[in-house]
């Protein structure tokens, strides 16, 4: 149980770091930023579901 939670937190931190770099860039259009937000939410929701059903 503990290793799964630690791994989930590391993956969450990595996803947040990667997507935050996309959000602050000026050369990416607003539509692509919205698409990145959608993919980020899907990834975080999937990660939460994996943790919820395995704990």
C-alpha atoms as a PDB file:
ATOM      1  CA  UNK A   1       0.000   0.000   0.000  1.00  0.00           C
ATOM      2  CA  UNK A   2       2.714   2.482   0.935  1.00  0.00           C
ATOM      3  CA  UNK A   3       4.842   2.041  -2.218  1.00  0.00           C
ATOM      4  CA  UNK A   4       1.765   2.581  -4.406  1.00  0.00           C
ATOM      5  CA  UNK A   5       0.951   5.862  -2.669  1.00  0.00           C
ATOM      6  CA  UNK A   6       4.544   7.064  -2.937  1.00  0.00           C
ATOM      7  CA  UNK A   7       4.649   6.128  -6.608  1.00  0.00           C
ATOM      8  CA  UNK A   8       1.313   7.882  -7.198  1.00  0.00           C
ATOM      9  CA  UNK A   9       2.600  11.058  -5.555  1.00  0.00           C
ATOM     10  CA  UNK A  10       5.754  10.963  -7.686  1.00  0.00           C
ATOM     11  CA  UNK A  11       3.720  10.499 -10.876  1.00  0.00           C
ATOM     12  CA  UNK A  12       1.384  13.319  -9.828  1.00  0.00           C
ATOM     13  CA  UNK A  13       4.352  15.619  -9.182  1.00  0.00           C
ATOM     14  CA  UNK A  14       5.877  14.705 -12.558  1.00  0.00           C
ATOM     15  CA  UNK A  15       2.610  15.335 -14.417  1.00  0.00           C
ATOM     16  CA  UNK A  16       2.109  18.654 -12.645  1.00  0.00           C
ATOM     17  CA  UNK A  17       5.658  19.735 -13.475  1.00  0.00           C
ATOM     18  CA  UNK A  18       5.369  18.753 -17.147  1.00  0.00           C
ATOM     19  CA  UNK A  19       1.993  20.390 -17.678  1.00  0.00           C
ATOM     20  CA  UNK A  20       2.886  23.539 -15.728  1.00  0.00           C
ATOM     21  CA  UNK A  21       5.704  24.124 -18.213  1.00  0.00           C
ATOM     22  CA  UNK A  22       3.122  23.993 -21.024  1.00  0.00           C
ATOM     23  CA  UNK A  23       0.774  26.443 -19.295  1.00  0.00           C
ATOM     24  CA  UNK A  24       3.369  29.195 -18.839  1.00  0.00           C
ATOM     25  CA  UNK A  25       4.723  29.171 -22.397  1.00  0.00           C
ATOM     26  CA  UNK A  26       3.575  32.072 -24.561  1.00  0.00           C
ATOM     27  CA  UNK A  27       4.030  30.401 -27.952  1.00  0.00           C
ATOM     28  CA  UNK A  28       1.336  27.752 -27.366  1.00  0.00           C
ATOM     29  CA  UNK A  29      -2.194  28.681 -28.404  1.00  0.00           C
ATOM     30  CA  UNK A  30      -5.113  28.838 -25.988  1.00  0.00           C
ATOM     31  CA  UNK A  31      -6.800  25.883 -27.690  1.00  0.00           C
ATOM     32  CA  UNK A  32      -3.740  23.698 -27.167  1.00  0.00           C
ATOM     33  CA  UNK A  33      -3.539  24.810 -23.540  1.00  0.00           C
ATOM     34  CA  UNK A  34      -7.182  23.797 -23.047  1.00  0.00           C
ATOM     35  CA  UNK A  35      -6.423  20.430 -24.623  1.00  0.00           C
ATOM     36  CA  UNK A  36      -3.446  20.037 -22.288  1.00  0.00           C
ATOM     37  CA  UNK A  37      -5.697  20.818 -19.309  1.00  0.00           C
ATOM     38  CA  UNK A  38      -8.138  18.117 -20.428  1.00  0.00           C
ATOM     39  CA  UNK A  39      -5.363  15.534 -20.789  1.00  0.00           C
ATOM     40  CA  UNK A  40      -3.925  16.562 -17.418  1.00  0.00           C
ATOM     41  CA  UNK A  41      -7.301  16.103 -15.718  1.00  0.00           C
ATOM     42  CA  UNK A  42      -7.782  12.718 -17.394  1.00  0.00           C
ATOM     43  CA  UNK A  43      -4.313  11.583 -16.299  1.00  0.00           C
ATOM     44  CA  UNK A  44      -4.803  12.749 -12.703  1.00  0.00           C
ATOM     45  CA  UNK A  45      -8.279  11.186 -12.565  1.00  0.00           C
ATOM     46  CA  UNK A  46      -6.912   7.893 -13.871  1.00  0.00           C
ATOM     47  CA  UNK A  47      -4.113   7.990 -11.333  1.00  0.00           C
ATOM     48  CA  UNK A  48      -6.623   8.676  -8.562  1.00  0.00           C
ATOM     49  CA  UNK A  49      -8.801   5.791  -9.705  1.00  0.00           C
ATOM     50  CA  UNK A  50      -5.854   3.388  -9.719  1.00  0.00           C
ATOM     51  CA  UNK A  51      -4.913   4.421  -6.198  1.00  0.00           C
ATOM     52  CA  UNK A  52      -8.522   4.310  -4.962  1.00  0.00           C
ATOM     53  CA  UNK A  53      -9.220   0.825  -6.279  1.00  0.00           C
ATOM     54  CA  UNK A  54      -5.885  -0.620  -5.109  1.00  0.00           C
ATOM     55  CA  UNK A  55      -5.858   0.764  -1.557  1.00  0.00           C
END
